[in-house]
Amino acid sequence: MSKSLGRNRAAGGNRALIVSVTTFDYGVDLSSRKGAKKDTKRLHKVLTRLGFQVDLHMDPSAEEIYQLFDEASEKTVGDCFVGVLSSHGEEGVVFGADGGAVRLARIFSCFGSPAMASKTKLFFVQACRGGKLDSGVEVETDSALSMEEEDSLSHYLSIPINSAVMFATPPGYSAFMHLLGSVFLQTLCDILEEDGGRHLEVTQLMTRINYRVAYHFQARGGQLAGKKEMPCFVTRLTRQVFPFSDASKAEPGRAKDSALHGLAATMLSTPNKPRKHSIR
């Protein structure tokens, strides 16, 4: 059952919805994600300081996740909506606490209504998109798409106008999670807390996250030693936007050095069900 935490109820401003699955229901063959609690706590703090009304929901089922985003798409928003999804996943989906698959295409399409068309919608997805590990080098690949890969493009096509989606990792690759949080979401928080970070145009912000994760993070220990992570983003924005720079609403924050660069990570292996191979 979903647990709702940290709700700010002021009306009419920018809003954020954070949905995080840290513990899965009994009998679901997906491992707990202890570091995700660090992410959600810090995100709530950072976004609140920046003037967002933040709703935080922990461990919802797949159907509850759909309901949360559907309801969020119908609420009044000032200039910007931020949606954060953190769970285990594979290409095109994340998993609810009940193990049910949540299709990203359906989440994004909720925000395609005329009422939301002029609003800026930003989505940050912390989840694996496959089981590959990034060694930090370029490799040759066949340019032809398989039928499965073609089907996976549906969540890109569902992204509504004036939206940007940032993923922790490219299609087919695993994302990293440490007990101190994910390198992707912790880096987002680092930059928003730094001097000038919240004043970045959104594509500049996302590019800076790409750079910092790609060049400053490297896993340590066992089979993951030396493995990298490379976030990526897709944008259908039609204008430059500065969603975090409203000084009249923001509270002063304090820049923090990231504690994640070079941390060890562990792989969760469930050999009987390939879709559940994941980096925690």
C-alpha atoms as a PDB file:
ATOM      1  CA  MET A   1       0.000   0.000   0.000  1.00  0.00           C
ATOM      2  CA  SER A   2       1.256   3.464  -0.857  1.00  0.00           C
ATOM      3  CA  LYS A   3       2.558   5.654   1.966  1.00  0.00           C
ATOM      4  CA  SER A   4       2.114   9.400   1.468  1.00  0.00           C
ATOM      5  CA  LEU A   5       4.718  11.610   3.140  1.00  0.00           C
ATOM      6  CA  GLY A   6       5.831  15.221   3.205  1.00  0.00           C
ATOM      7  CA  ARG A   7       2.913  16.873   1.453  1.00  0.00           C
ATOM      8  CA  ASN A   8       2.905  20.662   1.033  1.00  0.00           C
ATOM      9  CA  ARG A   9      -0.590  21.950   0.304  1.00  0.00           C
ATOM     10  CA  ALA A  10      -0.149  25.576  -0.765  1.00  0.00           C
ATOM     11  CA  ALA A  11      -2.203  26.180  -3.930  1.00  0.00           C
ATOM     12  CA  GLY A  12      -1.359  27.676  -7.300  1.00  0.00           C
ATOM     13  CA  GLY A  13       2.414  27.251  -7.422  1.00  0.00           C
ATOM     14  CA  ASN A  14       4.823  24.875  -9.066  1.00  0.00           C
ATOM     15  CA  ARG A  15       4.308  21.276  -8.017  1.00  0.00           C
ATOM     16  CA  ALA A  16       6.391  18.116  -7.732  1.00  0.00           C
ATOM     17  CA  LEU A  17       5.346  14.488  -7.352  1.00  0.00           C
ATOM     18  CA  ILE A  18       7.984  12.055  -6.072  1.00  0.00           C
ATOM     19  CA  VAL A  19       7.097   8.365  -6.339  1.00  0.00           C
ATOM     20  CA  SER A  20       9.659   5.934  -4.959  1.00  0.00           C
ATOM     21  CA  VAL A  21       9.583   2.188  -4.402  1.00  0.00           C
ATOM     22  CA  THR A  22      12.063   1.068  -1.771  1.00  0.00           C
ATOM     23  CA  THR A  23      10.488  -2.154  -0.475  1.00  0.00           C
ATOM     24  CA  PHE A  24       8.500  -4.604  -2.567  1.00  0.00           C
ATOM     25  CA  ASP A  25       5.546  -6.695  -1.415  1.00  0.00           C
ATOM     26  CA  TYR A  26       6.088 -10.130   0.067  1.00  0.00           C
ATOM     27  CA  GLY A  27       6.567 -12.682  -2.689  1.00  0.00           C
ATOM     28  CA  VAL A  28       7.734 -10.158  -5.313  1.00  0.00           C
ATOM     29  CA  ASP A  29      11.141 -11.225  -6.613  1.00  0.00           C
ATOM     30  CA  LEU A  30      12.669  -7.742  -6.574  1.00  0.00           C
ATOM     31  CA  SER A  31      15.222  -6.641  -3.992  1.00  0.00           C
ATOM     32  CA  SER A  32      14.767  -3.659  -1.693  1.00  0.00           C
ATOM     33  CA  ARG A  33      16.341  -0.330  -2.659  1.00  0.00           C
ATOM     34  CA  LYS A  34      17.558   1.090   0.654  1.00  0.00           C
ATOM     35  CA  GLY A  35      19.408   4.052  -0.850  1.00  0.00           C
ATOM     36  CA  ALA A  36      16.227   5.330  -2.493  1.00  0.00           C
ATOM     37  CA  LYS A  37      15.070   6.736   0.865  1.00  0.00           C
ATOM     38  CA  LYS A  38      18.106   9.021   0.882  1.00  0.00           C
ATOM     39  CA  ASP A  39      17.151  10.271  -2.582  1.00  0.00           C
ATOM     40  CA  THR A  40      13.546  11.004  -1.707  1.00  0.00           C
ATOM     41  CA  LYS A  41      14.377  12.774   1.546  1.00  0.00           C
ATOM     42  CA  ARG A  42      16.899  15.040  -0.132  1.00  0.00           C
ATOM     43  CA  LEU A  43      14.737  15.710  -3.192  1.00  0.00           C
ATOM     44  CA  HIS A  44      11.843  16.715  -0.967  1.00  0.00           C
ATOM     45  CA  LYS A  45      14.077  19.143   0.912  1.00  0.00           C
ATOM     46  CA  VAL A  46      15.678  20.653  -2.204  1.00  0.00           C
ATOM     47  CA  LEU A  47      12.471  21.083  -4.206  1.00  0.00           C
ATOM     48  CA  THR A  48      10.640  22.554  -1.219  1.00  0.00           C
ATOM     49  CA  ARG A  49      13.408  25.113  -0.803  1.00  0.00           C
ATOM     50  CA  LEU A  50      12.949  26.018  -4.463  1.00  0.00           C
ATOM     51  CA  GLY A  51       9.286  26.819  -3.926  1.00  0.00           C
ATOM     52  CA  PHE A  52       7.676  23.594  -5.134  1.00  0.00           C
ATOM     53  CA  GLN A  53       4.674  22.013  -3.461  1.00  0.00           C
ATOM     54  CA  VAL A  54       5.950  18.462  -3.040  1.00  0.00           C
ATOM     55  CA  ASP A  55       3.930  15.253  -2.733  1.00  0.00           C
ATOM     56  CA  LEU A  56       6.026  12.230  -1.784  1.00  0.00           C
ATOM     57  CA  HIS A  57       4.638   8.695  -2.031  1.00  0.00           C
ATOM     58  CA  MET A  58       6.546   5.608  -0.943  1.00  0.00           C
ATOM     59  CA  ASP A  59       5.974   2.027  -2.118  1.00  0.00           C
ATOM     60  CA  PRO A  60       2.778   2.388  -4.173  1.00  0.00           C
ATOM     61  CA  SER A  61       1.467  -0.440  -6.328  1.00  0.00           C
ATOM     62  CA  ALA A  62       1.525  -0.153 -10.111  1.00  0.00           C
ATOM     63  CA  GLU A  63      -2.126   0.898 -10.244  1.00  0.00           C
ATOM     64  CA  GLU A  64      -1.557   3.450  -7.475  1.00  0.00           C
ATOM     65  CA  ILE A  65       1.323   4.963  -9.453  1.00  0.00           C
ATOM     66  CA  TYR A  66      -0.942   5.422 -12.462  1.00  0.00           C
ATOM     67  CA  GLN A  67      -3.569   7.003 -10.238  1.00  0.00           C
ATOM     68  CA  LEU A  68      -1.082   9.389  -8.613  1.00  0.00           C
ATOM     69  CA  PHE A  69       0.154  10.754 -11.932  1.00  0.00           C
ATOM     70  CA  ASP A  70      -3.326  10.891 -13.410  1.00  0.00           C
ATOM     71  CA  GLU A  71      -4.512  12.971 -10.448  1.00  0.00           C
ATOM     72  CA  ALA A  72      -1.408  15.179 -10.620  1.00  0.00           C
ATOM     73  CA  SER A  73      -2.116  15.959 -14.275  1.00  0.00           C
ATOM     74  CA  GLU A  74      -5.518  17.356 -13.353  1.00  0.00           C
ATOM     75  CA  LYS A  75      -4.370  19.680 -10.560  1.00  0.00           C
ATOM     76  CA  THR A  76      -3.638  23.359 -11.011  1.00  0.00           C
ATOM     77  CA  VAL A  77       0.035  24.137 -11.527  1.00  0.00           C
ATOM     78  CA  GLY A  78       1.859  27.448 -11.739  1.00  0.00           C
ATOM     79  CA  ASP A  79       4.544  27.242 -14.417  1.00  0.00           C
ATOM     80  CA  CYS A  80       6.157  23.846 -13.910  1.00  0.00           C
ATOM     81  CA  PHE A  81       5.420  20.281 -12.856  1.00  0.00           C
ATOM     82  CA  VAL A  82       8.235  17.925 -11.822  1.00  0.00           C
ATOM     83  CA  GLY A  83       7.653  14.174 -11.687  1.00  0.00           C
ATOM     84  CA  VAL A  84      10.209  11.772 -10.200  1.00  0.00           C
ATOM     85  CA  LEU A  85       9.926   7.994 -10.574  1.00  0.00           C
ATOM     86  CA  SER A  86      12.390   5.770  -8.704  1.00  0.00           C
ATOM     87  CA  SER A  87      12.175   1.978  -8.790  1.00  0.00           C
ATOM     88  CA  HIS A  88      13.535  -1.120 -10.464  1.00  0.00           C
ATOM     89  CA  GLY A  89      12.784  -1.119 -14.160  1.00  0.00           C
ATOM     90  CA  GLU A  90      13.487  -2.188 -17.689  1.00  0.00           C
ATOM     91  CA  GLU A  91      13.153  -0.364 -20.983  1.00  0.00           C
ATOM     92  CA  GLY A  92       9.854   1.511 -21.074  1.00  0.00           C
ATOM     93  CA  VAL A  93       8.624   0.453 -17.630  1.00  0.00           C
ATOM     94  CA  VAL A  94       9.223   0.749 -13.904  1.00  0.00           C
ATOM     95  CA  PHE A  95       7.800  -1.605 -11.280  1.00  0.00           C
ATOM     96  CA  GLY A  96       5.324  -0.895  -8.501  1.00  0.00           C
ATOM     97  CA  ALA A  97       5.679  -2.380  -5.024  1.00  0.00           C
ATOM     98  CA  ASP A  98       3.369  -5.210  -6.102  1.00  0.00           C
ATOM     99  CA  GLY A  99       5.736  -6.090  -8.970  1.00  0.00           C
ATOM    100  CA  GLY A 100       3.312  -4.754 -11.570  1.00  0.00           C
ATOM    101  CA  ALA A 101       4.774  -3.017 -14.616  1.00  0.00           C
ATOM    102  CA  VAL A 102       4.122   0.717 -14.958  1.00  0.00           C
ATOM    103  CA  ARG A 103       4.415   1.843 -18.571  1.00  0.00           C
ATOM    104  CA  LEU A 104       6.138   5.197 -18.886  1.00  0.00           C
ATOM    105  CA  ALA A 105       4.173   5.947 -22.056  1.00  0.00           C
ATOM    106  CA  ARG A 106       0.969   5.941 -20.034  1.00  0.00           C
ATOM    107  CA  ILE A 107       2.486   8.190 -17.343  1.00  0.00           C
ATOM    108  CA  PHE A 108       3.709  10.772 -19.850  1.00  0.00           C
ATOM    109  CA  SER A 109       0.484  10.760 -21.854  1.00  0.00           C
ATOM    110  CA  CYS A 110      -1.467  11.865 -18.750  1.00  0.00           C
ATOM    111  CA  PHE A 111       0.028  15.318 -19.218  1.00  0.00           C
ATOM    112  CA  GLY A 112      -1.033  15.838 -22.828  1.00  0.00           C
ATOM    113  CA  SER A 113      -4.270  17.669 -22.028  1.00  0.00           C
ATOM    114  CA  PRO A 114      -4.875  21.219 -23.353  1.00  0.00           C
ATOM    115  CA  ALA A 115      -4.798  22.540 -19.772  1.00  0.00           C
ATOM    116  CA  MET A 116      -1.224  21.262 -19.329  1.00  0.00           C
ATOM    117  CA  ALA A 117       0.035  22.053 -22.839  1.00  0.00           C
ATOM    118  CA  SER A 118       1.536  25.436 -21.960  1.00  0.00           C
ATOM    119  CA  LYS A 119       3.083  24.223 -18.700  1.00  0.00           C
ATOM    120  CA  THR A 120       6.622  22.918 -18.395  1.00  0.00           C
ATOM    121  CA  LYS A 121       6.695  19.220 -17.462  1.00  0.00           C
ATOM    122  CA  LEU A 122       9.940  17.643 -16.268  1.00  0.00           C
ATOM    123  CA  PHE A 123      10.341  13.947 -15.487  1.00  0.00           C
ATOM    124  CA  PHE A 124      13.328  12.280 -13.819  1.00  0.00           C
ATOM    125  CA  VAL A 125      13.413   8.470 -13.994  1.00  0.00           C
ATOM    126  CA  GLN A 126      15.787   6.567 -11.703  1.00  0.00           C
ATOM    127  CA  ALA A 127      15.534   2.956 -12.891  1.00  0.00           C
ATOM    128  CA  CYS A 128      17.377   0.360 -14.907  1.00  0.00           C
ATOM    129  CA  ARG A 129      16.508   0.139 -18.603  1.00  0.00           C
ATOM    130  CA  GLY A 130      18.157  -3.242 -19.168  1.00  0.00           C
ATOM    131  CA  GLY A 131      20.992  -5.382 -17.859  1.00  0.00           C
ATOM    132  CA  LYS A 132      24.022  -4.029 -19.723  1.00  0.00           C
ATOM    133  CA  LEU A 133      26.926  -2.452 -17.842  1.00  0.00           C
ATOM    134  CA  ASP A 134      28.655   0.645 -19.198  1.00  0.00           C
ATOM    135  CA  SER A 135      32.428   0.256 -19.426  1.00  0.00           C
ATOM    136  CA  GLY A 136      32.887   3.873 -20.462  1.00  0.00           C
ATOM    137  CA  VAL A 137      34.008   3.155 -24.037  1.00  0.00           C
ATOM    138  CA  GLU A 138      32.256   3.397 -27.370  1.00  0.00           C
ATOM    139  CA  VAL A 139      31.269   0.115 -29.018  1.00  0.00           C
ATOM    140  CA  GLU A 140      29.988  -0.684 -32.480  1.00  0.00           C
ATOM    141  CA  THR A 141      26.422  -1.891 -32.709  1.00  0.00           C
ATOM    142  CA  ASP A 142      23.978  -2.942 -35.381  1.00  0.00           C
ATOM    143  CA  SER A 143      21.897   0.101 -36.346  1.00  0.00           C
ATOM    144  CA  ALA A 144      18.796  -1.971 -37.092  1.00  0.00           C
ATOM    145  CA  LEU A 145      16.141  -2.026 -34.371  1.00  0.00           C
ATOM    146  CA  SER A 146      14.542  -5.233 -33.218  1.00  0.00           C
ATOM    147  CA  MET A 147      10.760  -5.426 -32.934  1.00  0.00           C
ATOM    148  CA  GLU A 148      11.076  -5.170 -29.139  1.00  0.00           C
ATOM    149  CA  GLU A 149      13.217  -2.043 -29.456  1.00  0.00           C
ATOM    150  CA  GLU A 150      10.737  -0.519 -31.910  1.00  0.00           C
ATOM    151  CA  ASP A 151       7.934  -1.134 -29.420  1.00  0.00           C
ATOM    152  CA  SER A 152       9.980   0.514 -26.678  1.00  0.00           C
ATOM    153  CA  LEU A 153       9.967   3.792 -28.631  1.00  0.00           C
ATOM    154  CA  SER A 154       6.310   4.280 -27.705  1.00  0.00           C
ATOM    155  CA  HIS A 155       7.225   6.022 -24.445  1.00  0.00           C
ATOM    156  CA  TYR A 156       9.248   8.595 -26.398  1.00  0.00           C
ATOM    157  CA  LEU A 157       6.344   9.246 -28.747  1.00  0.00           C
ATOM    158  CA  SER A 158       4.011   9.750 -25.781  1.00  0.00           C
ATOM    159  CA  ILE A 159       6.014  12.637 -24.309  1.00  0.00           C
ATOM    160  CA  PRO A 160       3.760  15.711 -24.548  1.00  0.00           C
ATOM    161  CA  ILE A 161       4.791  19.102 -25.871  1.00  0.00           C
ATOM    162  CA  ASN A 162       6.763  21.394 -23.530  1.00  0.00           C
ATOM    163  CA  SER A 163       8.153  18.392 -21.651  1.00  0.00           C
ATOM    164  CA  ALA A 164      11.599  16.978 -20.976  1.00  0.00           C
ATOM    165  CA  VAL A 165      12.394  13.519 -19.624  1.00  0.00           C
ATOM    166  CA  MET A 166      15.729  12.605 -18.081  1.00  0.00           C
ATOM    167  CA  PHE A 167      16.701   8.977 -17.531  1.00  0.00           C
ATOM    168  CA  ALA A 168      19.444   7.737 -15.226  1.00  0.00           C
ATOM    169  CA  THR A 169      20.818   5.583 -18.032  1.00  0.00           C
ATOM    170  CA  PRO A 170      20.431   4.912 -21.785  1.00  0.00           C
ATOM    171  CA  PRO A 171      18.167   2.170 -23.200  1.00  0.00           C
ATOM    172  CA  GLY A 172      19.431  -1.319 -22.379  1.00  0.00           C
ATOM    173  CA  TYR A 173      21.693  -0.299 -19.501  1.00  0.00           C
ATOM    174  CA  SER A 174      21.615  -0.654 -15.727  1.00  0.00           C
ATOM    175  CA  ALA A 175      21.507   2.234 -13.259  1.00  0.00           C
ATOM    176  CA  PHE A 176      23.455   2.427 -10.012  1.00  0.00           C
ATOM    177  CA  MET A 177      22.116   2.740  -6.479  1.00  0.00           C
ATOM    178  CA  HIS A 178      24.191   2.954  -3.299  1.00  0.00           C
ATOM    179  CA  LEU A 179      23.100   2.983   0.331  1.00  0.00           C
ATOM    180  CA  LEU A 180      23.697   6.749   0.241  1.00  0.00           C
ATOM    181  CA  GLY A 181      21.423   7.165  -2.783  1.00  0.00           C
ATOM    182  CA  SER A 182      21.597   7.059  -6.562  1.00  0.00           C
ATOM    183  CA  VAL A 183      24.394   8.891  -8.340  1.00  0.00           C
ATOM    184  CA  PHE A 184      21.800  10.335 -10.781  1.00  0.00           C
ATOM    185  CA  LEU A 185      19.335  11.921  -8.340  1.00  0.00           C
ATOM    186  CA  GLN A 186      22.016  12.912  -5.832  1.00  0.00           C
ATOM    187  CA  THR A 187      23.860  14.756  -8.619  1.00  0.00           C
ATOM    188  CA  LEU A 188      20.639  16.564  -9.554  1.00  0.00           C
ATOM    189  CA  CYS A 189      20.349  17.721  -5.937  1.00  0.00           C
ATOM    190  CA  ASP A 190      24.047  18.677  -5.782  1.00  0.00           C
ATOM    191  CA  ILE A 191      23.711  20.993  -8.772  1.00  0.00           C
ATOM    192  CA  LEU A 192      20.466  22.589  -7.607  1.00  0.00           C
ATOM    193  CA  GLU A 193      22.129  23.377  -4.255  1.00  0.00           C
ATOM    194  CA  GLU A 194      25.274  24.874  -5.774  1.00  0.00           C
ATOM    195  CA  ASP A 195      25.727  28.579  -6.423  1.00  0.00           C
ATOM    196  CA  GLY A 196      24.041  29.340  -9.736  1.00  0.00           C
ATOM    197  CA  GLY A 197      22.746  25.803 -10.199  1.00  0.00           C
ATOM    198  CA  ARG A 198      19.079  26.641  -9.812  1.00  0.00           C
ATOM    199  CA  HIS A 199      19.418  29.464 -12.364  1.00  0.00           C
ATOM    200  CA  LEU A 200      20.418  27.107 -15.185  1.00  0.00           C
ATOM    201  CA  GLU A 201      18.155  26.708 -18.193  1.00  0.00           C
ATOM    202  CA  VAL A 202      16.739  23.198 -17.991  1.00  0.00           C
ATOM    203  CA  THR A 203      18.700  21.688 -20.900  1.00  0.00           C
ATOM    204  CA  GLN A 204      21.873  23.215 -19.458  1.00  0.00           C
ATOM    205  CA  LEU A 205      21.016  21.644 -16.114  1.00  0.00           C
ATOM    206  CA  MET A 206      20.491  18.229 -17.680  1.00  0.00           C
ATOM    207  CA  THR A 207      23.684  18.508 -19.727  1.00  0.00           C
ATOM    208  CA  ARG A 208      25.612  19.352 -16.571  1.00  0.00           C
ATOM    209  CA  ILE A 209      24.154  16.269 -14.856  1.00  0.00           C
ATOM    210  CA  ASN A 210      25.228  14.165 -17.850  1.00  0.00           C
ATOM    211  CA  TYR A 211      28.769  15.495 -17.657  1.00  0.00           C
ATOM    212  CA  ARG A 212      29.175  15.114 -13.920  1.00  0.00           C
ATOM    213  CA  VAL A 213      27.811  11.567 -13.724  1.00  0.00           C
ATOM    214  CA  ALA A 214      29.709  10.421 -16.821  1.00  0.00           C
ATOM    215  CA  TYR A 215      33.092  11.826 -15.811  1.00  0.00           C
ATOM    216  CA  HIS A 216      33.028  11.920 -12.011  1.00  0.00           C
ATOM    217  CA  PHE A 217      31.394   8.594 -11.166  1.00  0.00           C
ATOM    218  CA  GLN A 218      32.960   5.140 -11.338  1.00  0.00           C
ATOM    219  CA  ALA A 219      31.830   2.020  -9.489  1.00  0.00           C
ATOM    220  CA  ARG A 220      34.220   0.071  -7.293  1.00  0.00           C
ATOM    221  CA  GLY A 221      34.304  -3.517  -6.155  1.00  0.00           C
ATOM    222  CA  GLY A 222      33.865  -6.954  -7.705  1.00  0.00           C
ATOM    223  CA  GLN A 223      32.409  -7.336 -11.169  1.00  0.00           C
ATOM    224  CA  LEU A 224      31.299  -3.680 -11.187  1.00  0.00           C
ATOM    225  CA  ALA A 225      34.771  -2.192 -10.745  1.00  0.00           C
ATOM    226  CA  GLY A 226      35.337   0.577 -13.255  1.00  0.00           C
ATOM    227  CA  LYS A 227      31.776   0.568 -14.590  1.00  0.00           C
ATOM    228  CA  LYS A 228      30.226   3.917 -15.483  1.00  0.00           C
ATOM    229  CA  GLU A 229      26.813   5.518 -15.826  1.00  0.00           C
ATOM    230  CA  MET A 230      25.655   7.927 -18.517  1.00  0.00           C
ATOM    231  CA  PRO A 231      22.279   9.648 -18.069  1.00  0.00           C
ATOM    232  CA  CYS A 232      20.367  10.858 -21.102  1.00  0.00           C
ATOM    233  CA  PHE A 233      17.403  13.098 -21.778  1.00  0.00           C
ATOM    234  CA  VAL A 234      14.702  13.683 -24.364  1.00  0.00           C
ATOM    235  CA  THR A 235      13.114  17.090 -24.828  1.00  0.00           C
ATOM    236  CA  ARG A 236      10.004  18.419 -26.549  1.00  0.00           C
ATOM    237  CA  LEU A 237      10.447  21.865 -25.050  1.00  0.00           C
ATOM    238  CA  THR A 238       9.551  24.715 -27.388  1.00  0.00           C
ATOM    239  CA  ARG A 239      11.253  27.469 -25.411  1.00  0.00           C
ATOM    240  CA  GLN A 240      14.006  28.047 -22.908  1.00  0.00           C
ATOM    241  CA  VAL A 241      12.797  27.515 -19.354  1.00  0.00           C
ATOM    242  CA  PHE A 242      14.336  28.206 -15.956  1.00  0.00           C
ATOM    243  CA  PRO A 243      12.042  26.143 -13.718  1.00  0.00           C
ATOM    244  CA  PHE A 244      14.078  26.366 -10.504  1.00  0.00           C
ATOM    245  CA  SER A 245      15.166  30.022 -10.548  1.00  0.00           C
ATOM    246  CA  ASP A 246      12.197  31.853  -9.025  1.00  0.00           C
ATOM    247  CA  ALA A 247      14.074  33.732  -6.314  1.00  0.00           C
ATOM    248  CA  SER A 248      10.871  35.016  -4.725  1.00  0.00           C
ATOM    249  CA  LYS A 249       9.844  31.450  -3.822  1.00  0.00           C
ATOM    250  CA  ALA A 250      13.180  29.782  -3.239  1.00  0.00           C
ATOM    251  CA  GLU A 251      14.787  29.476   0.156  1.00  0.00           C
ATOM    252  CA  PRO A 252      18.567  29.692   0.523  1.00  0.00           C
ATOM    253  CA  GLY A 253      20.200  26.308   0.201  1.00  0.00           C
ATOM    254  CA  ARG A 254      23.662  25.026   0.941  1.00  0.00           C
ATOM    255  CA  ALA A 255      25.878  23.413  -1.649  1.00  0.00           C
ATOM    256  CA  LYS A 256      27.109  19.965  -0.768  1.00  0.00           C
ATOM    257  CA  ASP A 257      29.898  17.863  -2.157  1.00  0.00           C
ATOM    258  CA  SER A 258      28.655  14.625  -3.646  1.00  0.00           C
ATOM    259  CA  ALA A 259      29.416  11.561  -1.526  1.00  0.00           C
ATOM    260  CA  LEU A 260      28.738   9.135  -4.365  1.00  0.00           C
ATOM    261  CA  HIS A 261      31.692   9.469  -6.727  1.00  0.00           C
ATOM    262  CA  GLY A 262      33.655   6.221  -6.742  1.00  0.00           C
ATOM    263  CA  LEU A 263      31.360   4.394  -4.347  1.00  0.00           C
ATOM    264  CA  ALA A 264      30.901   0.692  -4.585  1.00  0.00           C
ATOM    265  CA  ALA A 265      27.699  -0.743  -6.030  1.00  0.00           C
ATOM    266  CA  THR A 266      26.216  -4.206  -6.011  1.00  0.00           C
ATOM    267  CA  MET A 267      24.350  -6.240  -8.589  1.00  0.00           C
ATOM    268  CA  LEU A 268      21.123  -7.970  -7.692  1.00  0.00           C
ATOM    269  CA  SER A 269      20.826 -11.238  -9.548  1.00  0.00           C
ATOM    270  CA  THR A 270      17.591 -13.185  -9.971  1.00  0.00           C
ATOM    271  CA  PRO A 271      18.519 -15.841 -12.535  1.00  0.00           C
ATOM    272  CA  ASN A 272      15.026 -17.276 -12.999  1.00  0.00           C
ATOM    273  CA  LYS A 273      13.508 -14.012 -14.252  1.00  0.00           C
ATOM    274  CA  PRO A 274      15.790 -12.069 -16.641  1.00  0.00           C
ATOM    275  CA  ARG A 275      13.767  -8.846 -16.464  1.00  0.00           C
ATOM    276  CA  LYS A 276      14.659  -8.534 -12.792  1.00  0.00           C
ATOM    277  CA  HIS A 277      18.399  -8.447 -13.193  1.00  0.00           C
ATOM    278  CA  SER A 278      19.193  -5.018 -11.836  1.00  0.00           C
ATOM    279  CA  ILE A 279      21.749  -2.707 -10.370  1.00  0.00           C
ATOM    280  CA  ARG A 280      20.728  -1.581  -6.913  1.00  0.00           C
END
